[in-house]
Amino acid sequence: MHFLFCICQIFCIASVTALLPYPSSIIYHGASVKFSRTCQLISDVENFIITSAFNRMMSSISSDKMVVFDFEKPHISEVQLRIEDPFTELQFGVDESYSLEVVPGSSSVYISAKTVWGGLHAFTTLQQLISSSFTLDVVSIKDTPAYPHRGIMIDSGRNFLTVDSILEQIDIMASCKMNVLHWHLVDTQSWSLKLDSHPEMIEDAYSEAEVYMKSDLSYVVWYARQRGVRVIPELDMPGHALTGWKRVDPNMVVCGDTGWYEDDTAVQPPPGQLDVTVESTYETVKDIYEELTQAFSDNMFHLGSDELNIGCYNHSESIKMWLQEHPGKYNQLVDHWLSRTLPLFRDKKERRLIMWEDIVLSSMNASDLPKDIILQSWNEHENVNVLTSKGYDVIISSSSFLYLDCGIGPSYLINDKRFVDNEVNYEWNYLGKDSWCGPYKTWQRIYSMDILSNFTKSQQQHVLGYEAPLWSEQVDSLVLTQKIWPRTAALGELAWSGNKDENGELRLEDFGIRLHQFREQLVAEGKRPSPIAPKYCSQNPYKCRI
């Protein structure tokens, strides 16, 4: 038995809890207990991650916002934790279930979990039970997530994100049981990775201060693992590739010096794609991939593969020559790319590769993409229907519901005519768009997402979960937290226990009350999430309803 000593003092009192996400099963026993600043953990395993998580929980509830009570005979003096398998690694599909019991008259809170990662979620629930009004409901909870993939995506290619700002997102994710941080590392605008294999690539960082060392990448992965969050890197290619790559070999990149708009070579500036007919492309890809997999331990690796532009490849003499030697469509370039790179990326049997849905559904699609590739769907739900019908596993990132950068105005044009006040552009300005994927995705919009109701059971089994992307055209470290939170906690609950109550009714009002309290907790911890209503509504939720 492993003992971590603190002292826990609890007494019966009514309380209001703000659990988020709501557990898949919870029974309230009609009583509450009061929680003080200290507690004792008794665990059947000695585990650094568990011990650290418990200490973080106790530090949070024992901060200066904590009310201290002094009693001669505390009811509860310990939290008893049992982990069935403490050695299971944090990878896709790991068991995250747990049970938590606060038994009337007992001197203990009982927690059991199959893995360490379920134990971490139990601590999160316990903290939420305590922290709303420093009381702990007498409850029985059996909890497990509906989906194994519950994520957000951050983008450090368009604007640099500091390591500290990324760590803050991980902390908040863990507090609402989201478990995947998808990191879009680089794009055509900048290359911020300092690599041993190609140190010259870092010359395309925005500045010397806006650089990630390999130690930074490894630390983010380590920090996330301590909180039950997996970090999946994305190296977007062969599209969205310019900076960094051109420093290795200018011939490896095509259309980088064209006009993205007037020449129709990209969806935003600057243009650039890898030349898939040049041998140095594959040598460099291999070097970078092998180096990144040393820093990122997850079995999944994201290869981008979106928005390949035919117009860009029209500017490459080597590609024109290749197409003359291989008569056919531009799609052959995609097949050639995959035939050369997939053997490199499948470097271990556990590896699972992720690509954006474009690789199957765009005009430049692969002719026969292997079914073990996971596809991330960012367009309308009909695409999810098509992909799951084809037998692909899918991560849903619908731009209609989950794109967090939408609806806040022009993002990369300094003369965006769509925002000029004239009759032609009236719809863009005033009818709720404000960007290509507008309107803004409110927490209500995210929470009410329901695109799988008409899918077959077989199709639903191919849905691995949900992920909310935040592209960073208008985001940097200063605003990262407020752009994501608290609204994305709605996705945390949607992917954990769903959005409906036991009667099949959308629990929007109930969730809204809990979301207000979730935000207040983040603010109390010194974070800066966006407000979702006047504070009056946080304090008087039933007076802010229709």
Protein backbone atom coordinates (compact mmCIF):
# COMPACT_ATOMS: atom_id res chain seq x y z
CA MET A 1 0.00 0.00 0.00
CA HIS A 2 1.23 3.48 -0.85
CA PHE A 3 0.41 6.25 1.61
CA LEU A 4 0.42 9.96 0.79
CA PHE A 5 -0.44 11.80 3.98
CA CYS A 6 -2.70 14.77 4.35
CA ILE A 7 -5.81 15.09 6.52
CA CYS A 8 -9.36 15.20 5.17
CA GLN A 9 -12.21 16.78 7.14
CA ILE A 10 -15.79 16.47 5.90
CA PHE A 11 -19.22 16.97 7.42
CA CYS A 12 -22.75 16.67 6.09
CA ILE A 13 -24.23 19.72 4.41
CA ALA A 14 -26.27 20.41 1.27
CA SER A 15 -24.22 21.25 -1.84
CA VAL A 16 -24.62 22.05 -5.49
CA THR A 17 -22.17 20.35 -7.82
CA ALA A 18 -20.95 21.43 -11.24
CA LEU A 19 -19.75 18.23 -12.85
CA LEU A 20 -18.45 18.70 -16.38
CA PRO A 21 -18.60 16.52 -18.32
CA TYR A 22 -21.60 14.97 -16.65
CA PRO A 23 -20.90 11.34 -15.68
CA SER A 24 -22.37 8.53 -17.72
CA SER A 25 -23.96 7.20 -14.52
CA ILE A 26 -24.44 8.97 -11.18
CA ILE A 27 -26.68 8.34 -8.17
CA TYR A 28 -27.17 11.05 -5.54
CA HIS A 29 -27.89 9.76 -2.04
CA GLY A 30 -29.45 12.96 -0.72
CA ALA A 31 -26.68 14.18 1.56
CA SER A 32 -23.49 16.19 1.30
CA VAL A 33 -20.23 16.51 3.18
CA LYS A 34 -17.92 19.45 3.63
CA PHE A 35 -14.36 19.26 2.36
CA SER A 36 -11.44 21.02 3.99
CA ARG A 37 -7.92 21.81 2.82
CA THR A 38 -6.13 18.52 3.39
CA CYS A 39 -6.69 14.88 2.67
CA GLN A 40 -4.95 11.49 2.78
CA LEU A 41 -4.51 9.27 -0.26
CA ILE A 42 -4.20 5.53 0.23
CA SER A 43 -3.37 3.73 -3.00
CA ASP A 44 -2.55 0.14 -3.86
CA VAL A 45 0.14 1.33 -6.31
CA GLU A 46 3.05 3.71 -6.09
CA ASN A 47 2.77 5.84 -9.20
CA PHE A 48 4.28 9.27 -9.85
CA ILE A 49 1.47 10.37 -12.18
CA ILE A 50 -1.22 9.45 -9.64
CA THR A 51 0.62 11.08 -6.75
CA SER A 52 1.24 14.27 -8.73
CA ALA A 53 -2.39 14.46 -9.85
CA PHE A 54 -3.65 14.03 -6.30
CA ASN A 55 -1.30 16.76 -5.09
CA ARG A 56 -2.51 19.10 -7.83
CA MET A 57 -6.10 18.44 -6.86
CA MET A 58 -5.41 19.13 -3.21
CA SER A 59 -3.43 22.25 -4.03
CA SER A 60 -6.33 23.60 -6.03
CA ILE A 61 -9.02 22.97 -3.44
CA SER A 62 -6.74 24.20 -0.65
CA SER A 63 -5.94 27.54 -2.26
CA ASP A 64 -6.96 30.88 -0.80
CA LYS A 65 -10.49 30.49 -2.16
CA MET A 66 -10.93 27.50 0.14
CA VAL A 67 -13.01 27.89 3.30
CA VAL A 68 -11.34 26.21 6.27
CA PHE A 69 -13.42 24.35 8.87
CA ASP A 70 -12.20 22.96 12.16
CA PHE A 71 -13.93 19.92 13.70
CA GLU A 72 -12.90 17.63 16.51
CA LYS A 73 -13.91 14.40 14.73
CA PRO A 74 -13.86 14.55 10.93
CA HIS A 75 -16.09 12.05 9.16
CA ILE A 76 -13.68 11.27 6.36
CA SER A 77 -9.95 10.94 6.69
CA GLU A 78 -8.87 9.27 3.45
CA VAL A 79 -9.38 8.69 -0.25
CA GLN A 80 -8.83 5.04 -1.12
CA LEU A 81 -7.70 4.38 -4.67
CA ARG A 82 -7.39 1.04 -6.44
CA ILE A 83 -5.78 0.76 -9.90
CA GLU A 84 -6.21 -2.61 -11.61
CA ASP A 85 -3.42 -2.16 -14.19
CA PRO A 86 -0.99 0.67 -13.40
CA PHE A 87 1.31 -0.08 -16.36
CA THR A 88 -1.04 0.44 -19.33
CA GLU A 89 0.38 3.15 -21.58
CA LEU A 90 -1.54 6.23 -22.64
CA GLN A 91 -2.50 5.43 -26.22
CA PHE A 92 -5.65 5.43 -28.34
CA GLY A 93 -8.40 3.24 -26.91
CA VAL A 94 -6.96 2.95 -23.41
CA ASP A 95 -9.56 2.24 -20.71
CA GLU A 96 -10.48 5.56 -19.07
CA SER A 97 -13.35 4.32 -16.91
CA TYR A 98 -13.57 4.73 -13.15
CA SER A 99 -15.97 4.43 -10.26
CA LEU A 100 -16.24 6.80 -7.31
CA GLU A 101 -18.17 6.18 -4.10
CA VAL A 102 -18.89 8.58 -1.27
CA VAL A 103 -20.61 6.27 1.22
CA PRO A 104 -22.81 7.67 4.02
CA GLY A 105 -21.18 7.07 7.38
CA SER A 106 -17.90 5.87 5.92
CA SER A 107 -14.55 7.41 6.67
CA SER A 108 -13.38 7.08 3.05
CA VAL A 109 -14.00 8.11 -0.52
CA TYR A 110 -13.53 5.01 -2.66
CA ILE A 111 -12.13 5.20 -6.19
CA SER A 112 -11.37 2.30 -8.51
CA ALA A 113 -10.11 2.35 -12.08
CA LYS A 114 -8.66 -0.14 -14.51
CA THR A 115 -5.82 2.23 -15.48
CA VAL A 116 -3.98 5.25 -14.18
CA TRP A 117 -5.78 7.33 -16.78
CA GLY A 118 -9.18 6.46 -15.37
CA GLY A 119 -7.83 7.34 -11.94
CA LEU A 120 -6.91 10.82 -13.19
CA HIS A 121 -10.48 11.36 -14.40
CA ALA A 122 -11.76 10.27 -11.00
CA PHE A 123 -9.65 12.95 -9.32
CA THR A 124 -11.08 15.52 -11.74
CA THR A 125 -14.60 14.49 -10.79
CA LEU A 126 -13.76 14.52 -7.09
CA GLN A 127 -12.36 18.03 -7.36
CA GLN A 128 -15.49 19.24 -9.14
CA LEU A 129 -17.69 17.64 -6.49
CA ILE A 130 -15.77 19.58 -3.86
CA SER A 131 -14.94 22.90 -5.38
CA SER A 132 -18.32 24.39 -6.31
CA SER A 133 -19.24 25.31 -2.72
CA PHE A 134 -16.59 23.36 -0.84
CA THR A 135 -19.01 20.52 -0.32
CA LEU A 136 -18.95 16.95 -1.52
CA ASP A 137 -22.16 15.16 -2.44
CA VAL A 138 -22.70 11.63 -1.20
CA VAL A 139 -22.77 9.91 -4.58
CA SER A 140 -22.13 6.70 -6.48
CA ILE A 141 -20.55 7.26 -9.90
CA LYS A 142 -19.70 4.80 -12.64
CA ASP A 143 -18.20 6.69 -15.53
CA THR A 144 -16.71 5.93 -18.93
CA PRO A 145 -16.34 8.01 -22.11
CA ALA A 146 -18.57 7.50 -25.13
CA TYR A 147 -15.69 8.17 -27.54
CA PRO A 148 -11.94 7.50 -27.22
CA HIS A 149 -10.97 10.65 -29.17
CA ARG A 150 -12.00 13.96 -27.56
CA GLY A 151 -9.73 16.66 -28.84
CA ILE A 152 -8.80 20.16 -29.84
CA MET A 153 -6.39 21.27 -32.54
CA ILE A 154 -3.97 24.17 -32.18
CA ASP A 155 -2.01 25.77 -35.02
CA SER A 156 1.47 27.20 -34.41
CA GLY A 157 2.28 27.62 -38.11
CA ARG A 158 0.33 30.80 -38.85
CA ASN A 159 1.05 32.46 -35.51
CA PHE A 160 3.53 31.18 -32.96
CA LEU A 161 2.18 29.78 -29.69
CA THR A 162 4.39 29.81 -26.61
CA VAL A 163 4.99 26.60 -24.74
CA ASP A 164 3.33 28.05 -21.63
CA SER A 165 0.18 28.91 -23.57
CA ILE A 166 0.03 25.35 -24.91
CA LEU A 167 0.48 23.89 -21.42
CA GLU A 168 -2.47 25.97 -20.21
CA GLN A 169 -4.69 24.37 -22.85
CA ILE A 170 -3.61 20.94 -21.63
CA ASP A 171 -4.54 21.85 -18.05
CA ILE A 172 -8.00 22.99 -19.10
CA MET A 173 -8.52 19.98 -21.36
CA ALA A 174 -7.79 17.65 -18.45
CA SER A 175 -10.28 19.53 -16.29
CA CYS A 176 -13.11 18.58 -18.69
CA LYS A 177 -11.72 15.13 -19.58
CA MET A 178 -10.64 15.96 -23.13
CA ASN A 179 -7.74 13.73 -24.04
CA VAL A 180 -6.19 14.66 -27.41
CA LEU A 181 -4.15 17.73 -28.33
CA HIS A 182 -3.66 17.75 -32.11
CA TRP A 183 -0.72 20.06 -32.81
CA HIS A 184 -0.55 21.52 -36.33
CA LEU A 185 3.13 22.32 -36.10
CA VAL A 186 4.04 24.25 -39.25
CA ASP A 187 2.54 25.71 -42.41
CA THR A 188 3.55 27.81 -45.40
CA GLN A 189 3.78 30.95 -43.24
CA SER A 190 6.53 29.84 -40.85
CA TRP A 191 8.75 26.97 -39.73
CA SER A 192 9.43 27.03 -36.00
CA LEU A 193 10.99 23.57 -35.42
CA LYS A 194 14.72 23.43 -34.72
CA LEU A 195 15.85 20.04 -36.02
CA ASP A 196 19.25 18.39 -35.89
CA SER A 197 18.84 16.83 -39.33
CA HIS A 198 18.14 20.13 -41.09
CA PRO A 199 19.05 23.08 -38.85
CA GLU A 200 18.77 25.49 -41.78
CA MET A 201 14.97 25.15 -41.76
CA ILE A 202 14.71 27.29 -38.64
CA GLU A 203 15.76 30.32 -40.69
CA ASP A 204 12.10 30.55 -41.65
CA ALA A 205 10.89 31.03 -38.08
CA TYR A 206 9.20 34.37 -37.44
CA SER A 207 12.02 35.31 -35.07
CA GLU A 208 14.77 33.74 -32.99
CA ALA A 209 12.43 33.83 -29.99
CA GLU A 210 9.61 32.02 -31.82
CA VAL A 211 11.27 28.62 -32.03
CA TYR A 212 10.59 25.17 -30.59
CA MET A 213 13.56 23.12 -29.51
CA LYS A 214 13.13 19.36 -29.50
CA SER A 215 13.25 19.58 -25.71
CA ASP A 216 10.18 21.86 -25.87
CA LEU A 217 8.27 19.27 -27.89
CA SER A 218 9.25 16.48 -25.51
CA TYR A 219 8.29 18.55 -22.48
CA VAL A 220 4.82 19.30 -23.87
CA VAL A 221 4.32 15.57 -24.48
CA TRP A 222 5.53 14.73 -20.95
CA TYR A 223 3.38 17.43 -19.35
CA ALA A 224 0.30 16.26 -21.24
CA ARG A 225 0.88 12.63 -20.29
CA GLN A 226 0.91 13.57 -16.61
CA ARG A 227 -2.64 14.83 -17.15
CA GLY A 228 -3.94 12.02 -19.34
CA VAL A 229 -3.72 13.99 -22.59
CA ARG A 230 -2.19 12.55 -25.75
CA VAL A 231 -0.33 14.87 -28.14
CA ILE A 232 -0.63 14.04 -31.84
CA PRO A 233 1.73 16.00 -34.12
CA GLU A 234 0.71 17.09 -37.59
CA LEU A 235 3.28 17.63 -40.34
CA ASP A 236 1.10 18.98 -43.13
CA MET A 237 2.29 17.76 -46.54
CA PRO A 238 2.57 17.66 -49.49
CA GLY A 239 0.30 20.72 -49.50
CA HIS A 240 0.75 23.70 -47.18
CA ALA A 241 4.54 23.38 -47.53
CA LEU A 242 6.96 26.23 -48.21
CA THR A 243 8.89 27.69 -45.30
CA GLY A 244 11.62 25.48 -43.93
CA TRP A 245 11.42 23.07 -46.83
CA LYS A 246 12.77 25.60 -49.34
CA ARG A 247 15.81 26.14 -47.13
CA VAL A 248 16.81 22.51 -47.62
CA ASP A 249 16.33 22.50 -51.40
CA PRO A 250 14.47 25.22 -53.34
CA ASN A 251 13.65 22.65 -56.03
CA MET A 252 11.67 20.68 -53.45
CA VAL A 253 8.94 23.35 -53.30
CA VAL A 254 6.74 24.49 -56.16
CA CYS A 255 4.76 27.71 -56.80
CA GLY A 256 6.19 29.48 -53.76
CA ASP A 257 6.91 32.59 -55.82
CA THR A 258 3.52 32.77 -57.54
CA GLY A 259 0.56 34.95 -56.73
CA TRP A 260 -1.64 32.80 -54.54
CA TYR A 261 -4.83 34.58 -55.64
CA GLU A 262 -4.13 35.81 -59.15
CA ASP A 263 -2.43 32.55 -60.17
CA ASP A 264 -4.90 30.38 -58.22
CA THR A 265 -2.18 28.40 -56.46
CA ALA A 266 -3.40 28.38 -52.85
CA VAL A 267 -6.39 29.15 -50.64
CA GLN A 268 -4.41 31.77 -48.70
CA PRO A 269 -0.95 33.34 -48.83
CA PRO A 270 1.76 32.29 -49.21
CA PRO A 271 1.42 29.38 -51.65
CA GLY A 272 3.65 26.33 -51.63
CA GLN A 273 3.53 22.55 -52.08
CA LEU A 274 6.15 19.82 -52.07
CA ASP A 275 7.29 18.60 -55.46
CA VAL A 276 6.47 14.91 -55.21
CA THR A 277 8.65 14.08 -58.23
CA VAL A 278 11.92 15.29 -56.67
CA GLU A 279 14.02 12.75 -54.78
CA SER A 280 15.22 15.25 -52.16
CA THR A 281 11.58 15.60 -51.06
CA TYR A 282 11.49 12.03 -49.79
CA GLU A 283 14.94 12.18 -48.21
CA THR A 284 13.94 15.29 -46.26
CA VAL A 285 10.53 13.91 -45.29
CA LYS A 286 12.21 10.80 -43.89
CA ASP A 287 14.69 12.85 -41.86
CA ILE A 288 12.02 15.10 -40.35
CA TYR A 289 9.58 12.29 -39.61
CA GLU A 290 12.20 10.19 -37.84
CA GLU A 291 13.28 13.15 -35.73
CA LEU A 292 9.74 14.15 -34.76
CA THR A 293 8.82 10.62 -33.72
CA GLN A 294 11.65 10.79 -31.19
CA ALA A 295 9.84 13.66 -29.47
CA PHE A 296 6.23 12.52 -29.93
CA SER A 297 5.46 9.15 -28.36
CA ASP A 298 1.88 8.68 -29.55
CA ASN A 299 1.13 5.85 -31.95
CA MET A 300 -0.85 8.26 -34.11
CA PHE A 301 0.78 10.73 -36.49
CA HIS A 302 -1.10 13.28 -38.60
CA LEU A 303 0.10 13.79 -42.18
CA GLY A 304 -2.15 16.68 -43.20
CA SER A 305 -2.76 15.93 -46.91
CA ASP A 306 -5.39 18.65 -47.36
CA GLU A 307 -6.03 21.31 -49.99
CA LEU A 308 -3.65 20.14 -52.71
CA ASN A 309 -3.90 22.68 -55.52
CA ILE A 310 -3.64 21.65 -59.17
CA GLY A 311 -2.84 25.23 -60.14
CA CYS A 312 0.27 25.11 -57.98
CA TYR A 313 1.59 22.01 -59.71
CA ASN A 314 1.09 23.67 -63.11
CA HIS A 315 4.07 25.86 -62.18
CA SER A 316 6.49 22.95 -61.87
CA GLU A 317 8.54 21.88 -64.89
CA SER A 318 9.56 18.63 -63.21
CA ILE A 319 5.93 17.73 -62.57
CA LYS A 320 4.99 18.56 -66.16
CA MET A 321 7.75 16.22 -67.35
CA TRP A 322 6.63 13.50 -64.92
CA LEU A 323 3.05 13.74 -66.18
CA GLN A 324 4.26 13.42 -69.77
CA GLU A 325 6.02 10.21 -68.80
CA HIS A 326 2.99 9.02 -66.81
CA PRO A 327 -0.04 10.08 -68.88
CA GLY A 328 -3.18 10.43 -66.85
CA LYS A 329 -4.72 12.69 -64.23
CA TYR A 330 -3.11 14.77 -61.50
CA ASN A 331 -4.38 12.17 -59.05
CA GLN A 332 -1.45 10.03 -60.12
CA LEU A 333 0.80 12.47 -58.29
CA VAL A 334 -1.08 11.71 -55.07
CA ASP A 335 -0.74 7.97 -55.61
CA HIS A 336 2.97 8.40 -56.36
CA TRP A 337 3.42 10.42 -53.15
CA LEU A 338 1.65 7.81 -51.05
CA SER A 339 3.54 4.90 -52.61
CA ARG A 340 6.81 6.57 -51.64
CA THR A 341 5.89 7.86 -48.17
CA LEU A 342 3.55 5.32 -46.57
CA PRO A 343 6.35 2.76 -46.14
CA LEU A 344 8.37 5.46 -44.35
CA PHE A 345 5.54 6.40 -42.02
CA ARG A 346 4.60 2.84 -41.12
CA ASP A 347 7.78 2.45 -39.12
CA LYS A 348 6.18 0.34 -36.40
CA LYS A 349 3.22 -2.01 -36.27
CA GLU A 350 1.33 0.17 -33.78
CA ARG A 351 1.49 3.24 -36.03
CA ARG A 352 -1.82 4.71 -37.17
CA LEU A 353 -1.78 7.56 -39.63
CA ILE A 354 -4.32 10.39 -39.82
CA MET A 355 -5.07 12.53 -42.87
CA TRP A 356 -7.64 15.20 -43.63
CA GLU A 357 -10.60 13.92 -45.65
CA ASP A 358 -9.37 15.70 -48.80
CA ILE A 359 -7.10 12.76 -49.58
CA VAL A 360 -10.24 10.75 -50.44
CA LEU A 361 -12.89 13.34 -51.31
CA SER A 362 -11.13 16.23 -53.09
CA SER A 363 -10.42 16.59 -56.81
CA MET A 364 -6.81 15.53 -56.13
CA ASN A 365 -7.65 12.35 -54.28
CA ALA A 366 -5.89 9.03 -53.87
CA SER A 367 -7.25 6.26 -56.07
CA ASP A 368 -7.20 3.61 -53.33
CA LEU A 369 -6.26 4.88 -49.89
CA PRO A 370 -5.70 2.02 -47.41
CA LYS A 371 -8.59 1.56 -44.98
CA ASP A 372 -6.33 1.70 -41.92
CA ILE A 373 -5.79 5.44 -42.50
CA ILE A 374 -7.92 7.56 -40.14
CA LEU A 375 -9.65 10.44 -41.89
CA GLN A 376 -10.42 13.75 -40.20
CA SER A 377 -13.58 15.20 -41.69
CA TRP A 378 -13.89 18.99 -41.69
CA ASN A 379 -16.73 19.58 -44.15
CA GLU A 380 -20.43 18.80 -43.92
CA HIS A 381 -21.73 15.68 -42.22
CA GLU A 382 -22.52 14.06 -45.56
CA ASN A 383 -18.77 13.53 -45.91
CA VAL A 384 -18.76 11.58 -42.64
CA ASN A 385 -21.57 9.48 -44.09
CA VAL A 386 -19.55 8.76 -47.25
CA LEU A 387 -16.30 7.98 -45.44
CA THR A 388 -17.81 5.67 -42.84
CA SER A 389 -19.78 3.91 -45.58
CA LYS A 390 -16.47 3.26 -47.33
CA GLY A 391 -15.13 1.67 -44.14
CA TYR A 392 -12.79 4.43 -42.93
CA ASP A 393 -12.43 5.38 -39.28
CA VAL A 394 -13.30 9.06 -38.90
CA ILE A 395 -12.63 11.93 -36.52
CA ILE A 396 -15.41 14.51 -36.83
CA SER A 397 -14.30 18.16 -37.04
CA SER A 398 -17.26 19.65 -38.88
CA SER A 399 -16.61 23.28 -39.80
CA SER A 400 -20.35 23.89 -39.35
CA PHE A 401 -20.14 23.02 -35.66
CA LEU A 402 -16.57 22.72 -34.44
CA TYR A 403 -14.30 25.21 -36.24
CA LEU A 404 -13.40 27.64 -33.49
CA ASP A 405 -11.89 30.33 -35.74
CA CYS A 406 -15.11 30.99 -37.67
CA GLY A 407 -17.31 34.06 -37.70
CA ILE A 408 -14.87 36.72 -36.48
CA GLY A 409 -14.17 38.62 -39.69
CA PRO A 410 -11.41 38.62 -42.34
CA SER A 411 -8.47 36.46 -41.38
CA TYR A 412 -5.70 36.90 -43.96
CA LEU A 413 -6.71 39.71 -46.34
CA ILE A 414 -6.04 43.37 -45.68
CA ASN A 415 -8.52 44.37 -48.39
CA ASP A 416 -11.23 41.75 -48.09
CA LYS A 417 -13.98 43.07 -50.39
CA ARG A 418 -16.50 40.74 -48.83
CA PHE A 419 -16.68 43.17 -45.91
CA VAL A 420 -17.34 46.28 -47.98
CA ASP A 421 -20.72 47.83 -47.24
CA ASN A 422 -22.52 47.34 -50.51
CA GLU A 423 -25.46 45.35 -51.77
CA VAL A 424 -23.37 42.56 -53.29
CA ASN A 425 -21.70 41.79 -49.99
CA TYR A 426 -24.70 42.33 -47.72
CA GLU A 427 -25.08 38.62 -47.01
CA TRP A 428 -21.42 38.26 -46.01
CA ASN A 429 -21.60 41.16 -43.59
CA TYR A 430 -25.01 41.00 -42.03
CA LEU A 431 -26.59 37.59 -42.50
CA GLY A 432 -24.50 35.74 -39.98
CA LYS A 433 -21.45 34.62 -41.94
CA ASP A 434 -18.51 36.94 -41.21
CA SER A 435 -16.13 34.35 -42.70
CA TRP A 436 -16.21 31.37 -45.08
CA CYS A 437 -17.31 29.10 -42.24
CA GLY A 438 -19.41 31.53 -40.23
CA PRO A 439 -21.25 32.07 -38.06
CA TYR A 440 -19.28 31.97 -34.82
CA LYS A 441 -19.54 28.60 -33.09
CA THR A 442 -21.21 29.25 -29.75
CA TRP A 443 -21.19 26.68 -26.97
CA GLN A 444 -24.87 26.08 -27.73
CA ARG A 445 -24.04 25.31 -31.35
CA ILE A 446 -21.26 22.91 -30.35
CA TYR A 447 -23.33 21.20 -27.67
CA SER A 448 -26.36 20.63 -29.89
CA MET A 449 -24.38 18.83 -32.60
CA ASP A 450 -26.14 15.63 -33.67
CA ILE A 451 -25.09 14.33 -37.07
CA LEU A 452 -24.99 10.59 -36.39
CA SER A 453 -28.65 9.89 -35.61
CA ASN A 454 -29.37 8.50 -39.09
CA PHE A 455 -26.14 6.54 -39.40
CA THR A 456 -26.15 2.75 -39.30
CA LYS A 457 -24.62 0.99 -36.31
CA SER A 458 -21.72 -0.08 -38.51
CA GLN A 459 -21.08 3.52 -39.56
CA GLN A 460 -21.25 4.78 -35.99
CA GLN A 461 -18.60 2.27 -34.97
CA HIS A 462 -16.23 3.96 -37.43
CA VAL A 463 -16.56 7.31 -35.62
CA LEU A 464 -13.61 7.54 -33.23
CA GLY A 465 -14.69 10.84 -31.74
CA TYR A 466 -14.68 14.60 -32.17
CA GLU A 467 -12.10 17.34 -32.42
CA ALA A 468 -12.46 21.13 -32.47
CA PRO A 469 -9.81 22.84 -34.63
CA LEU A 470 -8.61 26.38 -34.00
CA TRP A 471 -6.71 27.70 -37.01
CA SER A 472 -4.53 30.58 -35.93
CA GLU A 473 -4.84 33.28 -38.60
CA GLN A 474 -6.26 35.49 -35.83
CA VAL A 475 -4.90 33.69 -32.80
CA ASP A 476 -1.68 33.90 -30.85
CA SER A 477 -0.63 33.09 -27.30
CA LEU A 478 -2.28 36.20 -25.87
CA VAL A 479 -5.79 35.13 -26.89
CA LEU A 480 -5.45 31.35 -27.24
CA THR A 481 -7.34 30.46 -24.06
CA GLN A 482 -10.24 32.84 -24.65
CA LYS A 483 -10.69 31.62 -28.22
CA ILE A 484 -11.06 28.01 -27.06
CA TRP A 485 -12.63 28.20 -23.60
CA PRO A 486 -15.06 27.78 -22.04
CA ARG A 487 -17.18 26.98 -25.13
CA THR A 488 -15.16 23.91 -26.15
CA ALA A 489 -16.02 22.23 -22.85
CA ALA A 490 -19.36 21.64 -24.61
CA LEU A 491 -17.53 19.24 -26.91
CA GLY A 492 -15.90 17.62 -23.89
CA GLU A 493 -19.31 16.65 -22.56
CA LEU A 494 -20.76 15.79 -25.97
CA ALA A 495 -17.95 13.28 -26.58
CA TRP A 496 -17.94 11.93 -23.02
CA SER A 497 -21.56 11.38 -22.02
CA GLY A 498 -23.61 12.95 -24.80
CA ASN A 499 -25.92 15.95 -24.77
CA LYS A 500 -29.22 14.38 -23.72
CA ASP A 501 -30.74 13.42 -20.40
CA GLU A 502 -32.30 10.08 -19.46
CA ASN A 503 -35.51 11.14 -21.22
CA GLY A 504 -33.73 11.88 -24.48
CA GLU A 505 -34.10 15.64 -24.05
CA LEU A 506 -31.28 18.05 -24.87
CA ARG A 507 -29.89 19.16 -21.50
CA LEU A 508 -28.89 22.57 -22.81
CA GLU A 509 -30.08 24.62 -19.84
CA ASP A 510 -28.54 22.30 -17.28
CA PHE A 511 -25.26 22.30 -19.16
CA GLY A 512 -25.27 26.09 -19.45
CA ILE A 513 -25.47 26.44 -15.67
CA ARG A 514 -22.59 24.02 -15.21
CA LEU A 515 -20.56 25.77 -17.94
CA HIS A 516 -20.86 29.08 -16.08
CA GLN A 517 -19.45 27.42 -12.98
CA PHE A 518 -16.73 25.74 -15.03
CA ARG A 519 -15.62 29.14 -16.31
CA GLU A 520 -15.65 30.63 -12.81
CA GLN A 521 -13.33 27.83 -11.70
CA LEU A 522 -10.92 28.60 -14.56
CA VAL A 523 -10.93 32.28 -13.62
CA ALA A 524 -10.25 31.39 -9.97
CA GLU A 525 -7.20 29.45 -11.18
CA GLY A 526 -5.82 32.54 -12.91
CA LYS A 527 -6.79 31.62 -16.47
CA ARG A 528 -8.51 33.95 -18.93
CA PRO A 529 -11.43 32.20 -20.65
CA SER A 530 -13.93 34.29 -22.54
CA PRO A 531 -17.09 35.30 -20.65
CA ILE A 532 -20.24 33.71 -22.03
CA ALA A 533 -22.80 36.04 -20.41
CA PRO A 534 -23.03 38.79 -17.80
CA LYS A 535 -21.94 37.54 -14.39
CA TYR A 536 -25.51 38.20 -13.29
CA CYS A 537 -26.48 35.11 -15.28
CA SER A 538 -23.83 33.03 -13.55
CA GLN A 539 -25.30 34.05 -10.20
CA ASN A 540 -28.95 33.96 -11.31
CA PRO A 541 -29.15 31.32 -14.04
CA TYR A 542 -32.92 30.81 -13.85
CA LYS A 543 -33.52 34.51 -14.45
CA CYS A 544 -31.55 34.36 -17.71
CA ARG A 545 -33.80 32.02 -19.63
CA ILE A 546 -36.69 32.15 -22.09
